[in-house]
PDB file of N, CA and C in Angstrom:
ATOM      1  N   MET A   1       4.965   0.216 -12.685  1.00  0.00           N
ATOM      2  CA  MET A   1       5.263   0.455 -11.939  1.00  0.00           C
ATOM      3  C   MET A   1       7.140   0.216 -12.152  1.00  0.00           C
ATOM      4  N   LYS A   2       7.780   2.109 -12.348  1.00  0.00           N
ATOM      5  CA  LYS A   2       9.337   1.858 -12.422  1.00  0.00           C
ATOM      6  C   LYS A   2       9.952   0.748 -10.772  1.00  0.00           C
ATOM      7  N   ARG A   3      10.757   0.329 -11.603  1.00  0.00           N
ATOM      8  CA  ARG A   3      12.103  -0.595 -10.365  1.00  0.00           C
ATOM      9  C   ARG A   3      12.198   0.693  -9.722  1.00  0.00           C
ATOM     10  N   GLY A   4      12.603   0.495  -8.001  1.00  0.00           N
ATOM     11  CA  GLY A   4      12.648   1.603  -7.434  1.00  0.00           C
ATOM     12  C   GLY A   4      11.224   2.611  -6.507  1.00  0.00           C
ATOM     13  N   PHE A   5      10.847   1.891  -7.050  1.00  0.00           N
ATOM     14  CA  PHE A   5       9.749   3.501  -7.055  1.00  0.00           C
ATOM     15  C   PHE A   5       9.425   3.929  -5.361  1.00  0.00           C
ATOM     16  N   TYR A   6       9.111   2.472  -4.620  1.00  0.00           N
ATOM     17  CA  TYR A   6       9.199   2.705  -3.547  1.00  0.00           C
ATOM     18  C   TYR A   6      10.115   2.944  -2.343  1.00  0.00           C
ATOM     19  N   ASP A   7      11.390   2.264  -2.499  1.00  0.00           N
ATOM     20  CA  ASP A   7      12.680   2.724  -2.019  1.00  0.00           C
ATOM     21  C   ASP A   7      13.345   3.919  -1.204  1.00  0.00           C
ATOM     22  N   GLY A   8      13.255   3.613  -0.825  1.00  0.00           N
ATOM     23  CA  GLY A   8      13.409   4.676   0.427  1.00  0.00           C
ATOM     24  C   GLY A   8      12.516   5.643   0.908  1.00  0.00           C
ATOM     25  N   GLN A   9      10.700   5.353   0.571  1.00  0.00           N
ATOM     26  CA  GLN A   9       9.914   5.750   1.390  1.00  0.00           C
ATOM     27  C   GLN A   9      10.067   5.285   2.922  1.00  0.00           C
ATOM     28  N   ARG A  10       8.565   5.470   3.026  1.00  0.00           N
ATOM     29  CA  ARG A  10       8.604   5.345   4.943  1.00  0.00           C
ATOM     30  C   ARG A  10       6.693   4.799   5.065  1.00  0.00           C
ATOM     31  N   VAL A  11       6.564   3.807   5.828  1.00  0.00           N
ATOM     32  CA  VAL A  11       5.095   3.018   6.058  1.00  0.00           C
ATOM     33  C   VAL A  11       4.632   4.648   7.053  1.00  0.00           C
ATOM     34  N   HIS A  12       3.714   4.985   6.007  1.00  0.00           N
ATOM     35  CA  HIS A  12       2.937   5.686   7.121  1.00  0.00           C
ATOM     36  C   HIS A  12       1.055   5.516   7.309  1.00  0.00           C
ATOM     37  N   ARG A  13       1.646   3.919   7.298  1.00  0.00           N
ATOM     38  CA  ARG A  13      -0.324   3.958   8.126  1.00  0.00           C
ATOM     39  C   ARG A  13       0.818   2.562   8.828  1.00  0.00           C
ATOM     40  N   ALA A  14      -0.225   1.943   9.531  1.00  0.00           N
ATOM     41  CA  ALA A  14       0.161   0.776   9.893  1.00  0.00           C
ATOM     42  C   ALA A  14      -0.149   0.503  11.591  1.00  0.00           C
ATOM     43  N   ILE A  15      -1.570  -0.301  11.051  1.00  0.00           N
ATOM     44  CA  ILE A  15      -2.417  -0.727  12.270  1.00  0.00           C
ATOM     45  C   ILE A  15      -2.607  -2.060  12.797  1.00  0.00           C
ATOM     46  N   PRO A  16      -1.933  -2.905  13.522  1.00  0.00           N
ATOM     47  CA  PRO A  16      -1.532  -3.559  14.267  1.00  0.00           C
ATOM     48  C   PRO A  16      -2.724  -5.378  13.436  1.00  0.00           C
ATOM     49  N   GLY A  17      -3.168  -5.787  13.300  1.00  0.00           N
ATOM     50  CA  GLY A  17      -4.422  -7.039  12.714  1.00  0.00           C
ATOM     51  C   GLY A  17      -4.371  -6.520  11.349  1.00  0.00           C
ATOM     52  N   PHE A  18      -4.349  -5.231  11.174  1.00  0.00           N
ATOM     53  CA  PHE A  18      -5.905  -4.220  10.093  1.00  0.00           C
ATOM     54  C   PHE A  18      -4.440  -4.636   8.685  1.00  0.00           C
ATOM     55  N   ILE A  19      -3.414  -3.246   8.138  1.00  0.00           N
ATOM     56  CA  ILE A  19      -3.209  -2.907   7.095  1.00  0.00           C
ATOM     57  C   ILE A  19      -1.489  -2.213   8.045  1.00  0.00           C
ATOM     58  N   VAL A  20      -0.787  -2.813   7.048  1.00  0.00           N
ATOM     59  CA  VAL A  20       0.518  -1.425   7.253  1.00  0.00           C
ATOM     60  C   VAL A  20       0.525  -0.784   5.486  1.00  0.00           C
ATOM     61  N   GLN A  21       1.172   0.090   5.351  1.00  0.00           N
ATOM     62  CA  GLN A  21       0.446   1.358   3.940  1.00  0.00           C
ATOM     63  C   GLN A  21       1.952   2.305   3.464  1.00  0.00           C
ATOM     64  N   TRP A  22       2.413   2.475   2.527  1.00  0.00           N
ATOM     65  CA  TRP A  22       3.216   2.714   2.049  1.00  0.00           C
ATOM     66  C   TRP A  22       2.822   3.598   0.287  1.00  0.00           C
ATOM     67  N   GLY A  23       3.882   4.449  -0.060  1.00  0.00           N
ATOM     68  CA  GLY A  23       3.409   5.265  -0.593  1.00  0.00           C
ATOM     69  C   GLY A  23       3.601   6.940  -1.491  1.00  0.00           C
ATOM     70  N   ASP A  24       3.800   7.896  -0.038  1.00  0.00           N
ATOM     71  CA  ASP A  24       3.107   8.707  -0.371  1.00  0.00           C
ATOM     72  C   ASP A  24       4.675   9.515  -0.185  1.00  0.00           C
ATOM     73  N   GLN A  25       5.298   9.482  -1.694  1.00  0.00           N
ATOM     74  CA  GLN A  25       6.791  10.362  -1.966  1.00  0.00           C
ATOM     75  C   GLN A  25       6.737  11.167  -0.836  1.00  0.00           C
ATOM     76  N   ARG A  26       5.879  12.246  -0.658  1.00  0.00           N
ATOM     77  CA  ARG A  26       6.764  12.902   1.430  1.00  0.00           C
ATOM     78  C   ARG A  26       7.222  12.384   2.069  1.00  0.00           C
ATOM     79  N   SER A  27       6.613  10.780   2.428  1.00  0.00           N
ATOM     80  CA  SER A  27       7.610  10.402   3.561  1.00  0.00           C
ATOM     81  C   SER A  27       8.491   9.693   3.348  1.00  0.00           C
ATOM     82  N   ARG A  28       9.484  10.345   2.180  1.00  0.00           N
ATOM     83  CA  ARG A  28      10.982  10.393   2.108  1.00  0.00           C
ATOM     84  C   ARG A  28      11.243  11.865   2.736  1.00  0.00           C
ATOM     85  N   ASP A  29      10.711  12.167   3.457  1.00  0.00           N
ATOM     86  CA  ASP A  29      10.965  13.189   3.790  1.00  0.00           C
ATOM     87  C   ASP A  29      10.167  13.907   5.306  1.00  0.00           C
ATOM     88  N   VAL A  30      11.031  13.393   7.087  1.00  0.00           N
ATOM     89  CA  VAL A  30      10.406  13.272   7.632  1.00  0.00           C
ATOM     90  C   VAL A  30      10.308  14.373   8.467  1.00  0.00           C
ATOM     91  N   SER A  31      10.593  15.815   7.413  1.00  0.00           N
ATOM     92  CA  SER A  31       9.788  16.925   8.041  1.00  0.00           C
ATOM     93  C   SER A  31       8.605  17.498   7.432  1.00  0.00           C
ATOM     94  N   GLN A  32       8.066  16.351   6.682  1.00  0.00           N
ATOM     95  CA  GLN A  32       6.681  16.411   6.667  1.00  0.00           C
ATOM     96  C   GLN A  32       5.666  15.214   6.670  1.00  0.00           C
ATOM     97  N   GLU A  33       6.373  14.306   8.220  1.00  0.00           N
ATOM     98  CA  GLU A  33       5.385  13.525   8.802  1.00  0.00           C
ATOM     99  C   GLU A  33       4.163  13.789   9.005  1.00  0.00           C
ATOM    100  N   ARG A  34       3.487  14.761   9.082  1.00  0.00           N
ATOM    101  CA  ARG A  34       1.950  15.097   9.549  1.00  0.00           C
ATOM    102  C   ARG A  34       1.314  15.312   8.195  1.00  0.00           C
ATOM    103  N   GLU A  35       1.698  15.509   7.103  1.00  0.00           N
ATOM    104  CA  GLU A  35       0.769  15.262   6.040  1.00  0.00           C
ATOM    105  C   GLU A  35       1.262  14.244   5.275  1.00  0.00           C
ATOM    106  N   TRP A  36       1.769  13.224   5.841  1.00  0.00           N
ATOM    107  CA  TRP A  36       1.700  11.763   5.016  1.00  0.00           C
ATOM    108  C   TRP A  36       0.826  11.334   4.693  1.00  0.00           C
ATOM    109  N   GLY A  37      -0.053  10.611   3.518  1.00  0.00           N
ATOM    110  CA  GLY A  37      -0.967   9.827   3.439  1.00  0.00           C
ATOM    111  C   GLY A  37      -2.203  10.647   3.087  1.00  0.00           C
ATOM    112  N   ARG A  38      -2.357  11.711   3.636  1.00  0.00           N
ATOM    113  CA  ARG A  38      -3.524  12.835   3.365  1.00  0.00           C
ATOM    114  C   ARG A  38      -2.847  14.048   2.356  1.00  0.00           C
ATOM    115  N   GLY A  39      -4.991  13.977   1.708  1.00  0.00           N
ATOM    116  CA  GLY A  39      -4.731  14.666   0.645  1.00  0.00           C
ATOM    117  C   GLY A  39      -4.190  13.837  -0.975  1.00  0.00           C
ATOM    118  N   ALA A  40      -4.002  15.332  -2.036  1.00  0.00           N
ATOM    119  CA  ALA A  40      -3.669  15.076  -3.019  1.00  0.00           C
ATOM    120  C   ALA A  40      -2.052  15.275  -3.603  1.00  0.00           C
ATOM    121  N   GLU A  41      -1.937  15.298  -2.614  1.00  0.00           N
ATOM    122  CA  GLU A  41      -0.310  15.319  -2.823  1.00  0.00           C
ATOM    123  C   GLU A  41       0.390  13.711  -1.853  1.00  0.00           C
ATOM    124  N   ALA A  42      -0.232  13.443  -1.561  1.00  0.00           N
ATOM    125  CA  ALA A  42       0.129  11.865  -1.617  1.00  0.00           C
ATOM    126  C   ALA A  42       0.150  10.745  -2.192  1.00  0.00           C
ATOM    127  N   SER A  43      -0.316  11.567  -3.263  1.00  0.00           N
ATOM    128  CA  SER A  43      -0.451  10.429  -4.727  1.00  0.00           C
ATOM    129  C   SER A  43       0.912  10.886  -5.485  1.00  0.00           C
ATOM    130  N   SER A  44       0.732   9.926  -6.962  1.00  0.00           N
ATOM    131  CA  SER A  44       2.503  10.523  -7.942  1.00  0.00           C
ATOM    132  C   SER A  44       1.666  11.397  -8.668  1.00  0.00           C
ATOM    133  N   GLY A  45       0.367  11.801  -8.578  1.00  0.00           N
ATOM    134  CA  GLY A  45      -0.747  12.294  -9.670  1.00  0.00           C
ATOM    135  C   GLY A  45      -0.740  11.667 -11.220  1.00  0.00           C
ATOM    136  N   ALA A  46      -1.114  10.672 -10.935  1.00  0.00           N
ATOM    137  CA  ALA A  46      -1.220   9.567 -12.151  1.00  0.00           C
ATOM    138  C   ALA A  46      -1.768   8.368 -11.591  1.00  0.00           C
ATOM    139  N   PRO A  47      -3.494   9.010 -11.255  1.00  0.00           N
ATOM    140  CA  PRO A  47      -4.317   7.615 -11.179  1.00  0.00           C
ATOM    141  C   PRO A  47      -4.325   6.557 -12.539  1.00  0.00           C
ATOM    142  N   ILE A  48      -4.009   5.689 -11.861  1.00  0.00           N
ATOM    143  CA  ILE A  48      -4.003   4.325 -12.704  1.00  0.00           C
ATOM    144  C   ILE A  48      -5.859   4.080 -13.317  1.00  0.00           C
ATOM    145  N   GLY A  49      -7.070   4.383 -13.073  1.00  0.00           N
ATOM    146  CA  GLY A  49      -7.782   4.528 -13.382  1.00  0.00           C
ATOM    147  C   GLY A  49      -8.906   3.373 -13.638  1.00  0.00           C
ATOM    148  N   ALA A  50      -9.708   2.405 -14.715  1.00  0.00           N
ATOM    149  CA  ALA A  50     -10.567   1.669 -13.039  1.00  0.00           C
ATOM    150  C   ALA A  50      -9.520   0.173 -13.155  1.00  0.00           C
ATOM    151  N   ALA A  51      -9.541   0.091 -11.618  1.00  0.00           N
ATOM    152  CA  ALA A  51      -8.434  -1.479 -11.216  1.00  0.00           C
ATOM    153  C   ALA A  51      -9.625  -2.235 -11.364  1.00  0.00           C
ATOM    154  N   GLU A  52      -8.595  -3.438 -11.492  1.00  0.00           N
ATOM    155  CA  GLU A  52      -9.511  -4.887 -11.488  1.00  0.00           C
ATOM    156  C   GLU A  52     -10.239  -5.054 -10.179  1.00  0.00           C
ATOM    157  N   ILE A  53     -11.305  -4.856  -9.954  1.00  0.00           N
ATOM    158  CA  ILE A  53     -11.608  -5.928  -8.448  1.00  0.00           C
ATOM    159  C   ILE A  53     -12.570  -7.478  -8.868  1.00  0.00           C
ATOM    160  N   THR A  54     -12.044  -8.365  -7.893  1.00  0.00           N
ATOM    161  CA  THR A  54     -12.700  -9.541  -8.093  1.00  0.00           C
ATOM    162  C   THR A  54     -12.542 -10.157  -7.509  1.00  0.00           C
ATOM    163  N   LYS A  55     -13.031 -11.152  -7.170  1.00  0.00           N
ATOM    164  CA  LYS A  55     -13.644 -11.644  -5.751  1.00  0.00           C
ATOM    165  C   LYS A  55     -12.116 -13.037  -6.180  1.00  0.00           C
ATOM    166  N   LYS A  56     -11.779 -13.623  -7.232  1.00  0.00           N
ATOM    167  CA  LYS A  56     -10.802 -14.541  -7.035  1.00  0.00           C
ATOM    168  C   LYS A  56      -9.115 -14.004  -6.569  1.00  0.00           C
ATOM    169  N   ARG A  57      -9.201 -12.886  -6.691  1.00  0.00           N
ATOM    170  CA  ARG A  57      -8.029 -12.386  -5.182  1.00  0.00           C
ATOM    171  C   ARG A  57      -8.046 -11.589  -4.512  1.00  0.00           C
ATOM    172  N   PRO A  58      -9.167 -12.522  -2.941  1.00  0.00           N
ATOM    173  CA  PRO A  58      -9.209 -11.534  -2.246  1.00  0.00           C
ATOM    174  C   PRO A  58      -8.464 -10.824  -0.788  1.00  0.00           C
ATOM    175  N   HIS A  59      -8.876 -10.801  -0.120  1.00  0.00           N
ATOM    176  CA  HIS A  59      -7.965  -9.299   1.351  1.00  0.00           C
ATOM    177  C   HIS A  59      -7.912 -10.449   2.482  1.00  0.00           C
ATOM    178  N   VAL A  60      -6.828 -11.997   1.394  1.00  0.00           N
ATOM    179  CA  VAL A  60      -6.521 -12.601   3.010  1.00  0.00           C
ATOM    180  C   VAL A  60      -5.153 -11.984   3.258  1.00  0.00           C
ATOM    181  N   ARG A  61      -4.559 -13.153   4.059  1.00  0.00           N
ATOM    182  CA  ARG A  61      -3.291 -12.194   5.254  1.00  0.00           C
ATOM    183  C   ARG A  61      -1.819 -11.971   4.056  1.00  0.00           C
ATOM    184  N   GLY A  62      -1.603 -11.237   4.178  1.00  0.00           N
ATOM    185  CA  GLY A  62      -0.128 -11.053   2.544  1.00  0.00           C
ATOM    186  C   GLY A  62      -0.763 -10.819   1.464  1.00  0.00           C
ATOM    187  N   ALA A  63      -2.330 -10.342   1.157  1.00  0.00           N
ATOM    188  CA  ALA A  63      -2.589  -9.821   0.107  1.00  0.00           C
ATOM    189  C   ALA A  63      -2.304  -8.220  -0.324  1.00  0.00           C
ATOM    190  N   VAL A  64      -1.565  -7.582  -1.526  1.00  0.00           N
ATOM    191  CA  VAL A  64      -1.157  -6.008  -1.922  1.00  0.00           C
ATOM    192  C   VAL A  64      -2.178  -6.391  -2.484  1.00  0.00           C
ATOM    193  N   ALA A  65      -2.720  -4.645  -1.877  1.00  0.00           N
ATOM    194  CA  ALA A  65      -3.107  -4.237  -2.475  1.00  0.00           C
ATOM    195  C   ALA A  65      -3.161  -2.879  -3.039  1.00  0.00           C
ATOM    196  N   LEU A  66      -4.005  -2.167  -3.712  1.00  0.00           N
ATOM    197  CA  LEU A  66      -3.873  -0.251  -4.383  1.00  0.00           C
ATOM    198  C   LEU A  66      -4.849   0.426  -3.482  1.00  0.00           C
ATOM    199  N   ALA A  67      -4.746   1.209  -2.640  1.00  0.00           N
ATOM    200  CA  ALA A  67      -5.671   2.137  -1.676  1.00  0.00           C
ATOM    201  C   ALA A  67      -5.146   3.644  -2.564  1.00  0.00           C
ATOM    202  N   HIS A  68      -7.074   3.883  -1.928  1.00  0.00           N
ATOM    203  CA  HIS A  68      -7.492   4.479  -2.788  1.00  0.00           C
ATOM    204  C   HIS A  68      -8.319   5.850  -2.157  1.00  0.00           C
ATOM    205  N   PRO A  69      -8.591   6.942  -2.161  1.00  0.00           N
ATOM    206  CA  PRO A  69      -9.013   8.326  -1.779  1.00  0.00           C
ATOM    207  C   PRO A  69     -10.661   7.939  -1.781  1.00  0.00           C
ATOM    208  N   GLY A  70     -11.532   6.734  -1.722  1.00  0.00           N
ATOM    209  CA  GLY A  70     -12.791   6.613  -1.361  1.00  0.00           C
ATOM    210  C   GLY A  70     -13.717   6.138  -3.751  1.00  0.00           C
ATOM    211  N   ASN A  71     -12.473   6.399  -4.123  1.00  0.00           N
ATOM    212  CA  ASN A  71     -13.098   5.876  -6.023  1.00  0.00           C
ATOM    213  C   ASN A  71     -11.812   4.814  -6.111  1.00  0.00           C
ATOM    214  N   PRO A  72     -11.663   3.631  -6.425  1.00  0.00           N
ATOM    215  CA  PRO A  72     -10.979   2.865  -7.201  1.00  0.00           C
ATOM    216  C   PRO A  72     -10.632   3.565  -8.569  1.00  0.00           C
ATOM    217  N   ALA A  73     -11.125   3.924  -9.383  1.00  0.00           N
ATOM    218  CA  ALA A  73      -9.754   4.896 -10.420  1.00  0.00           C
ATOM    219  C   ALA A  73      -9.306   5.333  -9.757  1.00  0.00           C
ATOM    220  N   GLN A  74      -9.529   5.848  -9.134  1.00  0.00           N
ATOM    221  CA  GLN A  74      -7.837   6.532  -8.488  1.00  0.00           C
ATOM    222  C   GLN A  74      -7.104   6.791  -7.464  1.00  0.00           C
ATOM    223  N   ALA A  75      -7.278   5.314  -7.324  1.00  0.00           N
ATOM    224  CA  ALA A  75      -5.710   4.758  -6.893  1.00  0.00           C
ATOM    225  C   ALA A  75      -4.515   5.154  -7.956  1.00  0.00           C
ATOM    226  N   ASP A  76      -3.750   5.353  -6.989  1.00  0.00           N
ATOM    227  CA  ASP A  76      -2.191   5.356  -7.183  1.00  0.00           C
ATOM    228  C   ASP A  76      -0.862   4.857  -7.058  1.00  0.00           C
ATOM    229  N   SER A  77      -0.806   5.747  -6.248  1.00  0.00           N
ATOM    230  CA  SER A  77       1.582   5.106  -5.486  1.00  0.00           C
ATOM    231  C   SER A  77       1.114   4.396  -4.455  1.00  0.00           C
ATOM    232  N   GLN A  78      -0.706   4.608  -3.241  1.00  0.00           N
ATOM    233  CA  GLN A  78      -0.069   4.262  -2.244  1.00  0.00           C
ATOM    234  C   GLN A  78      -0.181   2.473  -2.434  1.00  0.00           C
ATOM    235  N   ILE A  79      -0.140   2.263  -1.959  1.00  0.00           N
ATOM    236  CA  ILE A  79      -0.418   0.528  -1.753  1.00  0.00           C
ATOM    237  C   ILE A  79      -0.479  -0.606  -0.008  1.00  0.00           C
ATOM    238  N   TYR A  80      -1.030  -1.170   0.051  1.00  0.00           N
ATOM    239  CA  TYR A  80      -0.444  -2.219   1.337  1.00  0.00           C
ATOM    240  C   TYR A  80      -0.355  -3.146   1.792  1.00  0.00           C
ATOM    241  N   VAL A  81      -0.664  -3.735   2.596  1.00  0.00           N
ATOM    242  CA  VAL A  81      -0.637  -5.161   3.004  1.00  0.00           C
ATOM    243  C   VAL A  81      -1.709  -5.444   4.311  1.00  0.00           C
ATOM    244  N   THR A  82      -2.092  -6.235   3.458  1.00  0.00           N
ATOM    245  CA  THR A  82      -3.183  -6.808   4.597  1.00  0.00           C
ATOM    246  C   THR A  82      -2.809  -7.887   5.619  1.00  0.00           C
ATOM    247  N   LEU A  83      -2.469  -7.342   7.545  1.00  0.00           N
ATOM    248  CA  LEU A  83      -1.714  -8.303   7.977  1.00  0.00           C
ATOM    249  C   LEU A  83      -3.061  -9.435   8.244  1.00  0.00           C
ATOM    250  N   ALA A  84      -4.243  -9.667   8.281  1.00  0.00           N
ATOM    251  CA  ALA A  84      -5.158 -10.286   8.318  1.00  0.00           C
ATOM    252  C   ALA A  84      -6.262 -10.734   7.439  1.00  0.00           C
ATOM    253  N   GLU A  85      -7.280 -11.465   7.187  1.00  0.00           N
ATOM    254  CA  GLU A  85      -8.075 -11.766   6.393  1.00  0.00           C
ATOM    255  C   GLU A  85      -8.501 -10.657   6.798  1.00  0.00           C
ATOM    256  N   ARG A  86      -9.344  -9.953   5.256  1.00  0.00           N
ATOM    257  CA  ARG A  86     -10.403  -8.926   5.471  1.00  0.00           C
ATOM    258  C   ARG A  86     -11.077  -9.240   4.366  1.00  0.00           C
ATOM    259  N   PRO A  87     -11.836  -9.539   4.325  1.00  0.00           N
ATOM    260  CA  PRO A  87     -13.109 -10.157   3.805  1.00  0.00           C
ATOM    261  C   PRO A  87     -14.053  -8.459   3.944  1.00  0.00           C
ATOM    262  N   ASP A  88     -14.388  -7.742   4.259  1.00  0.00           N
ATOM    263  CA  ASP A  88     -14.578  -6.742   4.791  1.00  0.00           C
ATOM    264  C   ASP A  88     -14.233  -5.612   2.929  1.00  0.00           C
ATOM    265  N   LEU A  89     -13.028  -5.571   2.599  1.00  0.00           N
ATOM    266  CA  LEU A  89     -12.295  -4.532   1.601  1.00  0.00           C
ATOM    267  C   LEU A  89     -12.831  -5.420   0.442  1.00  0.00           C
ATOM    268  N   ASN A  90     -12.679  -6.656   0.426  1.00  0.00           N
ATOM    269  CA  ASN A  90     -13.327  -7.576  -0.853  1.00  0.00           C
ATOM    270  C   ASN A  90     -14.348  -6.321  -1.634  1.00  0.00           C
ATOM    271  N   GLY A  91     -13.917  -6.013  -2.783  1.00  0.00           N
ATOM    272  CA  GLY A  91     -15.093  -5.509  -3.185  1.00  0.00           C
ATOM    273  C   GLY A  91     -15.276  -4.465  -3.648  1.00  0.00           C
ATOM    274  N   ARG A  92     -14.503  -3.859  -2.892  1.00  0.00           N
ATOM    275  CA  ARG A  92     -13.947  -2.290  -3.161  1.00  0.00           C
ATOM    276  C   ARG A  92     -12.826  -1.533  -3.325  1.00  0.00           C
ATOM    277  N   TYR A  93     -11.209  -2.361  -2.737  1.00  0.00           N
ATOM    278  CA  TYR A  93     -10.198  -2.512  -3.293  1.00  0.00           C
ATOM    279  C   TYR A  93      -9.476  -3.697  -4.254  1.00  0.00           C
ATOM    280  N   ALA A  94      -8.652  -2.922  -5.382  1.00  0.00           N
ATOM    281  CA  ALA A  94      -8.467  -3.797  -5.717  1.00  0.00           C
ATOM    282  C   ALA A  94      -6.879  -4.640  -5.821  1.00  0.00           C
ATOM    283  N   VAL A  95      -6.888  -6.195  -4.973  1.00  0.00           N
ATOM    284  CA  VAL A  95      -5.612  -6.532  -4.551  1.00  0.00           C
ATOM    285  C   VAL A  95      -4.873  -6.971  -6.232  1.00  0.00           C
ATOM    286  N   ILE A  96      -3.365  -6.678  -5.932  1.00  0.00           N
ATOM    287  CA  ILE A  96      -2.572  -6.874  -7.115  1.00  0.00           C
ATOM    288  C   ILE A  96      -1.848  -8.078  -6.848  1.00  0.00           C
ATOM    289  N   GLY A  97      -1.487  -8.385  -5.828  1.00  0.00           N
ATOM    290  CA  GLY A  97      -0.593  -9.084  -5.878  1.00  0.00           C
ATOM    291  C   GLY A  97      -1.065  -9.954  -4.367  1.00  0.00           C
ATOM    292  N   ARG A  98       0.322 -10.902  -3.722  1.00  0.00           N
ATOM    293  CA  ARG A  98       0.619 -10.778  -2.296  1.00  0.00           C
ATOM    294  C   ARG A  98       2.352 -11.090  -2.199  1.00  0.00           C
ATOM    295  N   VAL A  99       1.848 -11.569  -1.247  1.00  0.00           N
ATOM    296  CA  VAL A  99       3.881 -11.617  -0.341  1.00  0.00           C
ATOM    297  C   VAL A  99       3.791 -12.819  -0.363  1.00  0.00           C
ATOM    298  N   ILE A 100       4.957 -12.756  -1.130  1.00  0.00           N
ATOM    299  CA  ILE A 100       5.447 -14.972  -1.705  1.00  0.00           C
ATOM    300  C   ILE A 100       7.138 -14.833  -0.728  1.00  0.00           C
ATOM    301  N   GLU A 101       7.131 -14.143   0.473  1.00  0.00           N
ATOM    302  CA  GLU A 101       9.188 -14.454   0.316  1.00  0.00           C
ATOM    303  C   GLU A 101       8.836 -13.307   1.860  1.00  0.00           C
ATOM    304  N   GLY A 102       9.345 -13.448   3.160  1.00  0.00           N
ATOM    305  CA  GLY A 102       8.750 -12.491   4.154  1.00  0.00           C
ATOM    306  C   GLY A 102       7.770 -12.245   4.643  1.00  0.00           C
ATOM    307  N   GLY A 103       6.681 -12.982   4.926  1.00  0.00           N
ATOM    308  CA  GLY A 103       5.392 -12.775   5.533  1.00  0.00           C
ATOM    309  C   GLY A 103       5.198 -12.317   6.505  1.00  0.00           C
ATOM    310  N   ASP A 104       6.621 -12.765   7.621  1.00  0.00           N
ATOM    311  CA  ASP A 104       6.676 -12.057   8.687  1.00  0.00           C
ATOM    312  C   ASP A 104       6.940 -10.526   8.981  1.00  0.00           C
ATOM    313  N   VAL A 105       7.226  -9.752   7.778  1.00  0.00           N
ATOM    314  CA  VAL A 105       8.217  -8.483   7.793  1.00  0.00           C
ATOM    315  C   VAL A 105       6.767  -8.027   7.597  1.00  0.00           C
ATOM    316  N   PRO A 106       5.686  -7.460   7.297  1.00  0.00           N
ATOM    317  CA  PRO A 106       4.801  -6.581   7.233  1.00  0.00           C
ATOM    318  C   PRO A 106       4.142  -6.351   8.262  1.00  0.00           C
ATOM    319  N   ALA A 107       3.927  -6.972   9.208  1.00  0.00           N
ATOM    320  CA  ALA A 107       3.643  -6.971  10.860  1.00  0.00           C
ATOM    321  C   ALA A 107       3.867  -6.354  11.354  1.00  0.00           C
ATOM    322  N   ARG A 108       5.116  -6.758  11.562  1.00  0.00           N
ATOM    323  CA  ARG A 108       6.710  -6.093  12.766  1.00  0.00           C
ATOM    324  C   ARG A 108       6.379  -4.383  11.858  1.00  0.00           C
ATOM    325  N   LEU A 109       6.609  -3.813  11.043  1.00  0.00           N
ATOM    326  CA  LEU A 109       6.397  -2.717   9.705  1.00  0.00           C
ATOM    327  C   LEU A 109       5.254  -1.392  11.190  1.00  0.00           C
ATOM    328  N   GLU A 110       6.388  -0.627  11.217  1.00  0.00           N
ATOM    329  CA  GLU A 110       5.620   0.298  12.414  1.00  0.00           C
ATOM    330  C   GLU A 110       5.541   1.800  11.747  1.00  0.00           C
ATOM    331  N   ARG A 111       4.242   2.505  11.733  1.00  0.00           N
ATOM    332  CA  ARG A 111       5.256   4.343  10.939  1.00  0.00           C
ATOM    333  C   ARG A 111       6.465   4.771  11.035  1.00  0.00           C
ATOM    334  N   GLY A 112       6.835   5.344  10.340  1.00  0.00           N
ATOM    335  CA  GLY A 112       8.280   5.421   9.852  1.00  0.00           C
ATOM    336  C   GLY A 112       9.181   4.546   9.683  1.00  0.00           C
ATOM    337  N   ASP A 113       9.135   3.466   9.776  1.00  0.00           N
ATOM    338  CA  ASP A 113       9.472   2.482   9.349  1.00  0.00           C
ATOM    339  C   ASP A 113      10.456   3.228   7.581  1.00  0.00           C
ATOM    340  N   LEU A 114      11.496   2.287   7.515  1.00  0.00           N
ATOM    341  CA  LEU A 114      11.828   2.973   5.754  1.00  0.00           C
ATOM    342  C   LEU A 114      11.489   1.823   4.467  1.00  0.00           C
ATOM    343  N   ILE A 115      11.154   1.732   3.759  1.00  0.00           N
ATOM    344  CA  ILE A 115      11.156   1.044   3.347  1.00  0.00           C
ATOM    345  C   ILE A 115      12.403   0.795   2.594  1.00  0.00           C
ATOM    346  N   LEU A 116      13.318  -0.072   2.645  1.00  0.00           N
ATOM    347  CA  LEU A 116      14.697  -0.118   1.848  1.00  0.00           C
ATOM    348  C   LEU A 116      14.678  -0.891   0.523  1.00  0.00           C
ATOM    349  N   ARG A 117      14.508  -1.852   0.655  1.00  0.00           N
ATOM    350  CA  ARG A 117      13.778  -2.760  -1.072  1.00  0.00           C
ATOM    351  C   ARG A 117      12.761  -3.262  -0.858  1.00  0.00           C
ATOM    352  N   MET A 118      12.064  -3.486  -2.683  1.00  0.00           N
ATOM    353  CA  MET A 118      11.046  -4.002  -2.083  1.00  0.00           C
ATOM    354  C   MET A 118      10.813  -4.733  -3.736  1.00  0.00           C
ATOM    355  N   ARG A 119      10.692  -5.734  -4.028  1.00  0.00           N
ATOM    356  CA  ARG A 119      10.387  -6.096  -5.529  1.00  0.00           C
ATOM    357  C   ARG A 119       9.287  -6.769  -5.892  1.00  0.00           C
ATOM    358  N   VAL A 120       8.980  -6.522  -6.690  1.00  0.00           N
ATOM    359  CA  VAL A 120       7.510  -7.055  -7.883  1.00  0.00           C
ATOM    360  C   VAL A 120       8.084  -8.016  -8.671  1.00  0.00           C
ATOM    361  N   ARG A 121       7.293  -9.165  -8.811  1.00  0.00           N
ATOM    362  CA  ARG A 121       7.570 -10.293  -9.439  1.00  0.00           C
ATOM    363  C   ARG A 121       6.414 -10.300 -10.196  1.00  0.00           C
ATOM    364  N   GLU A 122       6.294 -10.890 -11.819  1.00  0.00           N
ATOM    365  CA  GLU A 122       4.974 -11.169 -12.236  1.00  0.00           C
ATOM    366  C   GLU A 122       5.086 -12.622 -11.916  1.00  0.00           C
TER     367      GLU A 122
END
């Protein structure tokens, strides 16, 4: 993921107690809000391929995972953060990390909120 990839995007899905999601490049344009998160245009066009789905990284509160349109190999630019433990998502989506600072922030995000800055550390 290139530096600053998510900066300037807006949250396109926020479901209290479930997830908050962003990564649709169109969310930078508020005139396209009705289409945010929908269809092939909601991706970067570069699927990651087979993502590692493992029991070692479960969907606990604050898990960061890759969204996909039904096939994990088609995961692309959209990511989400779980707002609660979600074992029903285990084995279906690849968890790639977890929130380590600002754990209270994801639950406060709403649809349309602007992601000013997000950092990913190894």
